[in-house]
All heavy atoms as atom14 arrays in JSON, in Angstrom:
{
  "sequence": "GEVLHNFSNGLDSTPVRHIDDEQAVKSVGNSTTTPRDMVN",
  "atom14_mask": [
    [1, 1, 1, 1, 0, 0, 0, 0, 0, 0, 0, 0, 0, 0],
    [1, 1, 1, 1, 1, 1, 1, 1, 1, 0, 0, 0, 0, 0],
    [1, 1, 1, 1, 1, 1, 1, 0, 0, 0, 0, 0, 0, 0],
    [1, 1, 1, 1, 1, 1, 1, 1, 0, 0, 0, 0, 0, 0],
    [1, 1, 1, 1, 1, 1, 1, 1, 1, 1, 0, 0, 0, 0],
    [1, 1, 1, 1, 1, 1, 1, 1, 0, 0, 0, 0, 0, 0],
    [1, 1, 1, 1, 1, 1, 1, 1, 1, 1, 1, 0, 0, 0],
    [1, 1, 1, 1, 1, 1, 0, 0, 0, 0, 0, 0, 0, 0],
    [1, 1, 1, 1, 1, 1, 1, 1, 0, 0, 0, 0, 0, 0],
    [1, 1, 1, 1, 0, 0, 0, 0, 0, 0, 0, 0, 0, 0],
    [1, 1, 1, 1, 1, 1, 1, 1, 0, 0, 0, 0, 0, 0],
    [1, 1, 1, 1, 1, 1, 1, 1, 0, 0, 0, 0, 0, 0],
    [1, 1, 1, 1, 1, 1, 0, 0, 0, 0, 0, 0, 0, 0],
    [1, 1, 1, 1, 1, 1, 1, 0, 0, 0, 0, 0, 0, 0],
    [1, 1, 1, 1, 1, 1, 1, 0, 0, 0, 0, 0, 0, 0],
    [1, 1, 1, 1, 1, 1, 1, 0, 0, 0, 0, 0, 0, 0],
    [1, 1, 1, 1, 1, 1, 1, 1, 1, 1, 1, 0, 0, 0],
    [1, 1, 1, 1, 1, 1, 1, 1, 1, 1, 0, 0, 0, 0],
    [1, 1, 1, 1, 1, 1, 1, 1, 0, 0, 0, 0, 0, 0],
    [1, 1, 1, 1, 1, 1, 1, 1, 0, 0, 0, 0, 0, 0],
    [1, 1, 1, 1, 1, 1, 1, 1, 0, 0, 0, 0, 0, 0],
    [1, 1, 1, 1, 1, 1, 1, 1, 1, 0, 0, 0, 0, 0],
    [1, 1, 1, 1, 1, 1, 1, 1, 1, 0, 0, 0, 0, 0],
    [1, 1, 1, 1, 1, 0, 0, 0, 0, 0, 0, 0, 0, 0],
    [1, 1, 1, 1, 1, 1, 1, 0, 0, 0, 0, 0, 0, 0],
    [1, 1, 1, 1, 1, 1, 1, 1, 1, 0, 0, 0, 0, 0],
    [1, 1, 1, 1, 1, 1, 0, 0, 0, 0, 0, 0, 0, 0],
    [1, 1, 1, 1, 1, 1, 1, 0, 0, 0, 0, 0, 0, 0],
    [1, 1, 1, 1, 0, 0, 0, 0, 0, 0, 0, 0, 0, 0],
    [1, 1, 1, 1, 1, 1, 1, 1, 0, 0, 0, 0, 0, 0],
    [1, 1, 1, 1, 1, 1, 0, 0, 0, 0, 0, 0, 0, 0],
    [1, 1, 1, 1, 1, 1, 1, 0, 0, 0, 0, 0, 0, 0],
    [1, 1, 1, 1, 1, 1, 1, 0, 0, 0, 0, 0, 0, 0],
    [1, 1, 1, 1, 1, 1, 1, 0, 0, 0, 0, 0, 0, 0],
    [1, 1, 1, 1, 1, 1, 1, 0, 0, 0, 0, 0, 0, 0],
    [1, 1, 1, 1, 1, 1, 1, 1, 1, 1, 1, 0, 0, 0],
    [1, 1, 1, 1, 1, 1, 1, 1, 0, 0, 0, 0, 0, 0],
    [1, 1, 1, 1, 1, 1, 1, 1, 0, 0, 0, 0, 0, 0],
    [1, 1, 1, 1, 1, 1, 1, 0, 0, 0, 0, 0, 0, 0],
    [1, 1, 1, 1, 1, 1, 1, 1, 0, 0, 0, 0, 0, 0]
  ],
  "atom14_positions": [
    [[120.88, 290.99, 298.75], [120.06, 289.93, 299.32], [119.27, 289.21, 298.25], [119.13, 287.97, 298.28], [0.0, 0.0, 0.0], [0.0, 0.0, 0.0], [0.0, 0.0, 0.0], [0.0, 0.0, 0.0], [0.0, 0.0, 0.0], [0.0, 0.0, 0.0], [0.0, 0.0, 0.0], [0.0, 0.0, 0.0], [0.0, 0.0, 0.0], [0.0, 0.0, 0.0]],
    [[118.73, 289.96, 297.29], [117.98, 289.35, 296.19], [118.9, 288.51, 295.32], [118.53, 287.42, 294.86], [117.3, 290.43, 295.35], [116.48, 289.88, 294.2], [115.82, 290.97, 293.37], [115.92, 292.16, 293.76], [115.2, 290.64, 292.34], [0.0, 0.0, 0.0], [0.0, 0.0, 0.0], [0.0, 0.0, 0.0], [0.0, 0.0, 0.0], [0.0, 0.0, 0.0]],
    [[120.13, 289.01, 295.09], [121.1, 288.26, 294.3], [121.44, 286.94, 294.98], [121.47, 285.88, 294.34], [122.38, 289.1, 294.08], [123.44, 288.28, 293.35], [122.07, 290.37, 293.3], [0.0, 0.0, 0.0], [0.0, 0.0, 0.0], [0.0, 0.0, 0.0], [0.0, 0.0, 0.0], [0.0, 0.0, 0.0], [0.0, 0.0, 0.0], [0.0, 0.0, 0.0]],
    [[121.68, 286.98, 296.3], [121.98, 285.76, 297.04], [120.85, 284.74, 296.94], [121.07, 283.54, 296.76], [122.25, 286.09, 298.51], [123.52, 286.88, 298.83], [123.54, 287.3, 300.28], [124.76, 286.03, 298.51], [0.0, 0.0, 0.0], [0.0, 0.0, 0.0], [0.0, 0.0, 0.0], [0.0, 0.0, 0.0], [0.0, 0.0, 0.0], [0.0, 0.0, 0.0]],
    [[119.61, 285.24, 297.05], [118.45, 284.36, 296.94], [118.38, 283.72, 295.56], [118.18, 282.5, 295.42], [117.17, 285.16, 297.22], [115.92, 284.36, 297.05], [115.25, 284.3, 295.84], [115.22, 283.58, 297.91], [114.18, 283.53, 295.98], [114.15, 283.08, 297.21], [0.0, 0.0, 0.0], [0.0, 0.0, 0.0], [0.0, 0.0, 0.0], [0.0, 0.0, 0.0]],
    [[118.56, 284.54, 294.53], [118.47, 284.02, 293.16], [119.59, 283.02, 292.85], [119.35, 281.95, 292.29], [118.5, 285.17, 292.17], [117.23, 286.0, 292.17], [116.2, 285.55, 292.68], [117.27, 287.19, 291.63], [0.0, 0.0, 0.0], [0.0, 0.0, 0.0], [0.0, 0.0, 0.0], [0.0, 0.0, 0.0], [0.0, 0.0, 0.0], [0.0, 0.0, 0.0]],
    [[120.8, 283.37, 293.24], [121.93, 282.49, 292.94], [121.79, 281.14, 293.64], [122.05, 280.09, 293.06], [123.24, 283.15, 293.38], [123.73, 284.21, 292.44], [122.98, 284.61, 291.35], [124.95, 284.82, 292.66], [123.43, 285.59, 290.48], [125.43, 285.8, 291.8], [124.66, 286.18, 290.71], [0.0, 0.0, 0.0], [0.0, 0.0, 0.0], [0.0, 0.0, 0.0]],
    [[121.38, 281.15, 294.9], [121.27, 279.9, 295.65], [120.16, 279.0, 295.11], [120.19, 277.78, 295.3], [121.04, 280.19, 297.14], [119.87, 280.96, 297.33], [0.0, 0.0, 0.0], [0.0, 0.0, 0.0], [0.0, 0.0, 0.0], [0.0, 0.0, 0.0], [0.0, 0.0, 0.0], [0.0, 0.0, 0.0], [0.0, 0.0, 0.0], [0.0, 0.0, 0.0]],
    [[119.18, 279.61, 294.43], [118.09, 278.83, 293.82], [118.32, 278.55, 292.35], [117.45, 277.98, 291.68], [116.76, 279.57, 294.01], [116.2, 279.43, 295.41], [115.68, 278.38, 295.77], [116.33, 280.47, 296.22], [0.0, 0.0, 0.0], [0.0, 0.0, 0.0], [0.0, 0.0, 0.0], [0.0, 0.0, 0.0], [0.0, 0.0, 0.0], [0.0, 0.0, 0.0]],
    [[119.46, 278.93, 291.82], [119.74, 278.7, 290.4], [118.93, 279.59, 289.49], [118.73, 279.27, 288.31], [0.0, 0.0, 0.0], [0.0, 0.0, 0.0], [0.0, 0.0, 0.0], [0.0, 0.0, 0.0], [0.0, 0.0, 0.0], [0.0, 0.0, 0.0], [0.0, 0.0, 0.0], [0.0, 0.0, 0.0], [0.0, 0.0, 0.0], [0.0, 0.0, 0.0]],
    [[118.45, 280.73, 290.0], [117.62, 281.64, 289.21], [118.5, 282.72, 288.57], [118.39, 283.91, 288.86], [116.55, 282.3, 290.1], [115.61, 281.32, 290.82], [114.67, 282.08, 291.74], [114.84, 280.5, 289.79], [0.0, 0.0, 0.0], [0.0, 0.0, 0.0], [0.0, 0.0, 0.0], [0.0, 0.0, 0.0], [0.0, 0.0, 0.0], [0.0, 0.0, 0.0]],
    [[119.38, 282.27, 287.7], [120.28, 283.18, 287.0], [120.09, 283.01, 285.5], [120.36, 281.95, 284.95], [121.73, 282.89, 287.38], [122.7, 283.62, 286.47], [122.47, 284.81, 286.2], [123.68, 282.99, 286.03], [0.0, 0.0, 0.0], [0.0, 0.0, 0.0], [0.0, 0.0, 0.0], [0.0, 0.0, 0.0], [0.0, 0.0, 0.0], [0.0, 0.0, 0.0]],
    [[119.62, 284.05, 284.85], [119.4, 283.99, 283.4], [120.42, 284.84, 282.65], [120.25, 285.11, 281.46], [117.98, 284.47, 283.05], [117.78, 285.8, 283.51], [0.0, 0.0, 0.0], [0.0, 0.0, 0.0], [0.0, 0.0, 0.0], [0.0, 0.0, 0.0], [0.0, 0.0, 0.0], [0.0, 0.0, 0.0], [0.0, 0.0, 0.0], [0.0, 0.0, 0.0]],
    [[121.47, 285.28, 283.34], [122.49, 286.1, 282.69], [123.09, 285.36, 281.51], [123.55, 284.23, 281.66], [123.61, 286.46, 283.69], [123.02, 286.98, 284.88], [124.54, 287.5, 283.1], [0.0, 0.0, 0.0], [0.0, 0.0, 0.0], [0.0, 0.0, 0.0], [0.0, 0.0, 0.0], [0.0, 0.0, 0.0], [0.0, 0.0, 0.0], [0.0, 0.0, 0.0]],
    [[123.11, 285.97, 280.33], [123.62, 285.27, 279.15], [125.15, 285.18, 279.15], [125.84, 285.98, 279.78], [123.13, 286.14, 277.99], [123.03, 287.52, 278.57], [122.59, 287.32, 279.99], [0.0, 0.0, 0.0], [0.0, 0.0, 0.0], [0.0, 0.0, 0.0], [0.0, 0.0, 0.0], [0.0, 0.0, 0.0], [0.0, 0.0, 0.0], [0.0, 0.0, 0.0]],
    [[125.66, 284.2, 278.43], [127.08, 284.11, 278.15], [127.36, 285.02, 276.97], [126.69, 284.93, 275.94], [127.49, 282.66, 277.83], [128.97, 282.59, 277.45], [127.2, 281.74, 279.01], [0.0, 0.0, 0.0], [0.0, 0.0, 0.0], [0.0, 0.0, 0.0], [0.0, 0.0, 0.0], [0.0, 0.0, 0.0], [0.0, 0.0, 0.0], [0.0, 0.0, 0.0]],
    [[128.34, 285.9, 277.12], [128.63, 286.86, 276.05], [129.16, 286.18, 274.8], [129.84, 285.15, 274.88], [129.64, 287.91, 276.52], [129.14, 288.83, 277.62], [129.93, 290.13, 277.64], [131.35, 289.92, 277.55], [132.16, 289.75, 278.59], [131.65, 289.73, 279.8], [133.45, 289.59, 278.43], [0.0, 0.0, 0.0], [0.0, 0.0, 0.0], [0.0, 0.0, 0.0]],
    [[128.9, 286.79, 273.66], [129.44, 286.3, 272.39], [130.95, 286.44, 272.4], [131.49, 287.38, 272.99], [128.84, 287.07, 271.21], [129.11, 286.45, 269.88], [130.28, 286.68, 269.19], [128.37, 285.6, 269.12], [130.25, 286.01, 268.05], [129.11, 285.34, 267.97], [0.0, 0.0, 0.0], [0.0, 0.0, 0.0], [0.0, 0.0, 0.0], [0.0, 0.0, 0.0]],
    [[131.64, 285.53, 271.76], [133.09, 285.5, 271.78], [133.71, 286.79, 271.23], [134.83, 287.17, 271.6], [133.61, 284.26, 271.01], [135.06, 283.96, 271.38], [133.43, 284.45, 269.5], [135.55, 282.61, 270.89], [0.0, 0.0, 0.0], [0.0, 0.0, 0.0], [0.0, 0.0, 0.0], [0.0, 0.0, 0.0], [0.0, 0.0, 0.0], [0.0, 0.0, 0.0]],
    [[132.98, 287.49, 270.35], [133.51, 288.72, 269.75], [133.1, 289.98, 270.52], [133.55, 291.08, 270.18], [133.02, 288.86, 268.3], [133.6, 287.77, 267.4], [134.74, 287.34, 267.68], [132.92, 287.36, 266.45], [0.0, 0.0, 0.0], [0.0, 0.0, 0.0], [0.0, 0.0, 0.0], [0.0, 0.0, 0.0], [0.0, 0.0, 0.0], [0.0, 0.0, 0.0]],
    [[132.24, 289.82, 271.53], [131.8, 290.99, 272.29], [132.94, 291.51, 273.15], [133.62, 290.73, 273.83], [130.62, 290.65, 273.19], [129.33, 290.49, 272.4], [129.34, 290.81, 271.2], [128.33, 290.03, 272.98], [0.0, 0.0, 0.0], [0.0, 0.0, 0.0], [0.0, 0.0, 0.0], [0.0, 0.0, 0.0], [0.0, 0.0, 0.0], [0.0, 0.0, 0.0]],
    [[133.12, 292.83, 273.13], [134.09, 293.46, 274.01], [133.34, 294.18, 275.11], [132.5, 295.02, 274.85], [134.97, 294.45, 273.24], [135.89, 293.8, 272.22], [136.83, 294.78, 271.61], [136.86, 295.94, 272.06], [137.55, 294.41, 270.66], [0.0, 0.0, 0.0], [0.0, 0.0, 0.0], [0.0, 0.0, 0.0], [0.0, 0.0, 0.0], [0.0, 0.0, 0.0]],
    [[133.67, 293.82, 276.35], [133.01, 294.46, 277.48], [133.54, 295.88, 277.64], [134.74, 296.13, 277.57], [133.28, 293.67, 278.76], [132.39, 294.07, 279.91], [132.52, 293.09, 281.07], [133.54, 292.45, 281.22], [131.49, 292.99, 281.87], [0.0, 0.0, 0.0], [0.0, 0.0, 0.0], [0.0, 0.0, 0.0], [0.0, 0.0, 0.0], [0.0, 0.0, 0.0]],
    [[132.63, 296.82, 277.79], [133.03, 298.22, 277.93], [133.91, 298.41, 279.16], [133.65, 297.86, 280.22], [131.79, 299.09, 278.04], [0.0, 0.0, 0.0], [0.0, 0.0, 0.0], [0.0, 0.0, 0.0], [0.0, 0.0, 0.0], [0.0, 0.0, 0.0], [0.0, 0.0, 0.0], [0.0, 0.0, 0.0], [0.0, 0.0, 0.0], [0.0, 0.0, 0.0]],
    [[134.98, 299.18, 278.97], [135.88, 299.47, 280.09], [135.18, 300.43, 281.04], [134.69, 301.48, 280.64], [137.19, 300.1, 279.57], [138.09, 300.51, 280.73], [137.92, 299.12, 278.65], [0.0, 0.0, 0.0], [0.0, 0.0, 0.0], [0.0, 0.0, 0.0], [0.0, 0.0, 0.0], [0.0, 0.0, 0.0], [0.0, 0.0, 0.0], [0.0, 0.0, 0.0]],
    [[135.11, 300.07, 282.31], [134.43, 300.9, 283.29], [135.39, 301.64, 284.21], [135.01, 302.6, 284.87], [133.46, 300.05, 284.12], [132.33, 299.47, 283.29], [131.32, 298.74, 284.15], [130.17, 298.21, 283.29], [129.16, 297.51, 284.1], [0.0, 0.0, 0.0], [0.0, 0.0, 0.0], [0.0, 0.0, 0.0], [0.0, 0.0, 0.0], [0.0, 0.0, 0.0]],
    [[136.64, 301.16, 284.28], [137.63, 301.84, 285.1], [139.02, 301.45, 284.64], [139.21, 300.4, 284.02], [137.44, 301.5, 286.59], [137.7, 300.13, 286.82], [0.0, 0.0, 0.0], [0.0, 0.0, 0.0], [0.0, 0.0, 0.0], [0.0, 0.0, 0.0], [0.0, 0.0, 0.0], [0.0, 0.0, 0.0], [0.0, 0.0, 0.0], [0.0, 0.0, 0.0]],
    [[139.98, 302.31, 284.93], [141.38, 302.04, 284.64], [142.16, 302.35, 285.91], [142.02, 303.44, 286.47], [141.92, 302.9, 283.48], [143.42, 302.7, 283.31], [141.18, 302.56, 282.18], [0.0, 0.0, 0.0], [0.0, 0.0, 0.0], [0.0, 0.0, 0.0], [0.0, 0.0, 0.0], [0.0, 0.0, 0.0], [0.0, 0.0, 0.0], [0.0, 0.0, 0.0]],
    [[142.95, 301.4, 286.39], [143.67, 301.63, 287.63], [144.94, 300.82, 287.73], [145.15, 299.86, 286.99], [0.0, 0.0, 0.0], [0.0, 0.0, 0.0], [0.0, 0.0, 0.0], [0.0, 0.0, 0.0], [0.0, 0.0, 0.0], [0.0, 0.0, 0.0], [0.0, 0.0, 0.0], [0.0, 0.0, 0.0], [0.0, 0.0, 0.0], [0.0, 0.0, 0.0]],
    [[145.82, 301.24, 288.63], [147.03, 300.51, 288.97], [147.26, 300.62, 290.47], [146.92, 301.63, 291.09], [148.26, 301.08, 288.25], [148.44, 300.51, 286.85], [148.47, 301.24, 285.87], [148.58, 299.2, 286.75], [0.0, 0.0, 0.0], [0.0, 0.0, 0.0], [0.0, 0.0, 0.0], [0.0, 0.0, 0.0], [0.0, 0.0, 0.0], [0.0, 0.0, 0.0]],
    [[147.84, 299.59, 291.04], [148.21, 299.62, 292.45], [149.54, 298.9, 292.62], [149.98, 298.17, 291.73], [147.14, 298.95, 293.32], [147.0, 297.58, 292.97], [0.0, 0.0, 0.0], [0.0, 0.0, 0.0], [0.0, 0.0, 0.0], [0.0, 0.0, 0.0], [0.0, 0.0, 0.0], [0.0, 0.0, 0.0], [0.0, 0.0, 0.0], [0.0, 0.0, 0.0]],
    [[150.17, 299.1, 293.76], [151.45, 298.44, 294.0], [151.71, 298.27, 295.48], [151.24, 299.07, 296.3], [152.61, 299.24, 293.37], [153.81, 298.46, 293.41], [152.85, 300.56, 294.1], [0.0, 0.0, 0.0], [0.0, 0.0, 0.0], [0.0, 0.0, 0.0], [0.0, 0.0, 0.0], [0.0, 0.0, 0.0], [0.0, 0.0, 0.0], [0.0, 0.0, 0.0]],
    [[152.44, 297.23, 295.81], [153.0, 297.06, 297.14], [154.44, 297.55, 297.08], [155.22, 297.09, 296.24], [152.96, 295.59, 297.58], [151.61, 295.14, 297.64], [153.6, 295.41, 298.95], [0.0, 0.0, 0.0], [0.0, 0.0, 0.0], [0.0, 0.0, 0.0], [0.0, 0.0, 0.0], [0.0, 0.0, 0.0], [0.0, 0.0, 0.0], [0.0, 0.0, 0.0]],
    [[154.81, 298.49, 297.93], [156.11, 299.14, 297.84], [157.2, 298.32, 298.53], [156.93, 297.54, 299.46], [156.05, 300.54, 298.46], [155.43, 300.46, 299.75], [155.23, 301.46, 297.59], [0.0, 0.0, 0.0], [0.0, 0.0, 0.0], [0.0, 0.0, 0.0], [0.0, 0.0, 0.0], [0.0, 0.0, 0.0], [0.0, 0.0, 0.0], [0.0, 0.0, 0.0]],
    [[158.47, 298.49, 298.09], [159.58, 297.72, 298.67], [159.76, 297.97, 300.17], [160.26, 297.11, 300.88], [160.8, 298.19, 297.88], [160.24, 298.75, 296.61], [158.91, 299.32, 296.98], [0.0, 0.0, 0.0], [0.0, 0.0, 0.0], [0.0, 0.0, 0.0], [0.0, 0.0, 0.0], [0.0, 0.0, 0.0], [0.0, 0.0, 0.0], [0.0, 0.0, 0.0]],
    [[159.4, 299.15, 300.62], [159.42, 299.47, 302.05], [158.13, 300.19, 302.39], [157.43, 300.69, 301.5], [160.62, 300.34, 302.4], [160.61, 301.73, 301.75], [161.66, 302.64, 302.35], [161.76, 303.92, 301.66], [160.94, 304.96, 301.87], [159.95, 304.85, 302.75], [161.1, 306.09, 301.21], [0.0, 0.0, 0.0], [0.0, 0.0, 0.0], [0.0, 0.0, 0.0]],
    [[157.81, 300.26, 303.66], [156.61, 300.97, 304.08], [156.72, 302.45, 303.75], [157.8, 303.06, 303.87], [156.4, 300.82, 305.59], [155.88, 299.45, 305.98], [155.38, 298.74, 305.09], [155.99, 299.09, 307.17], [0.0, 0.0, 0.0], [0.0, 0.0, 0.0], [0.0, 0.0, 0.0], [0.0, 0.0, 0.0], [0.0, 0.0, 0.0], [0.0, 0.0, 0.0]],
    [[155.6, 303.04, 303.33], [155.52, 304.49, 303.14], [155.19, 305.12, 304.49], [154.25, 304.69, 305.17], [154.44, 304.82, 302.11], [154.78, 304.36, 300.71], [153.36, 304.36, 299.57], [152.63, 302.76, 300.0], [0.0, 0.0, 0.0], [0.0, 0.0, 0.0], [0.0, 0.0, 0.0], [0.0, 0.0, 0.0], [0.0, 0.0, 0.0], [0.0, 0.0, 0.0]],
    [[155.98, 306.14, 304.88], [155.85, 306.68, 306.23], [155.48, 308.15, 306.27], [155.27, 308.72, 307.35], [157.17, 306.46, 307.03], [157.43, 304.98, 307.21], [158.34, 307.14, 306.33], [0.0, 0.0, 0.0], [0.0, 0.0, 0.0], [0.0, 0.0, 0.0], [0.0, 0.0, 0.0], [0.0, 0.0, 0.0], [0.0, 0.0, 0.0], [0.0, 0.0, 0.0]],
    [[155.39, 308.82, 305.1], [155.02, 310.24, 305.09], [154.38, 310.61, 303.75], [154.34, 309.79, 302.82], [156.23, 311.13, 305.38], [157.4, 310.86, 304.43], [157.21, 310.67, 303.24], [158.61, 310.82, 304.98], [0.0, 0.0, 0.0], [0.0, 0.0, 0.0], [0.0, 0.0, 0.0], [0.0, 0.0, 0.0], [0.0, 0.0, 0.0], [0.0, 0.0, 0.0]]
  ]
}
């Protein structure tokens, strides 16, 4: 709710990251839609 209030009022001071900054990996995952439904 606070985020919604701030964003709608333009109250965002989040910086733009430096071009050389690497964002830390927080998760690693994979997903897929299968060719047929999985039934068991």
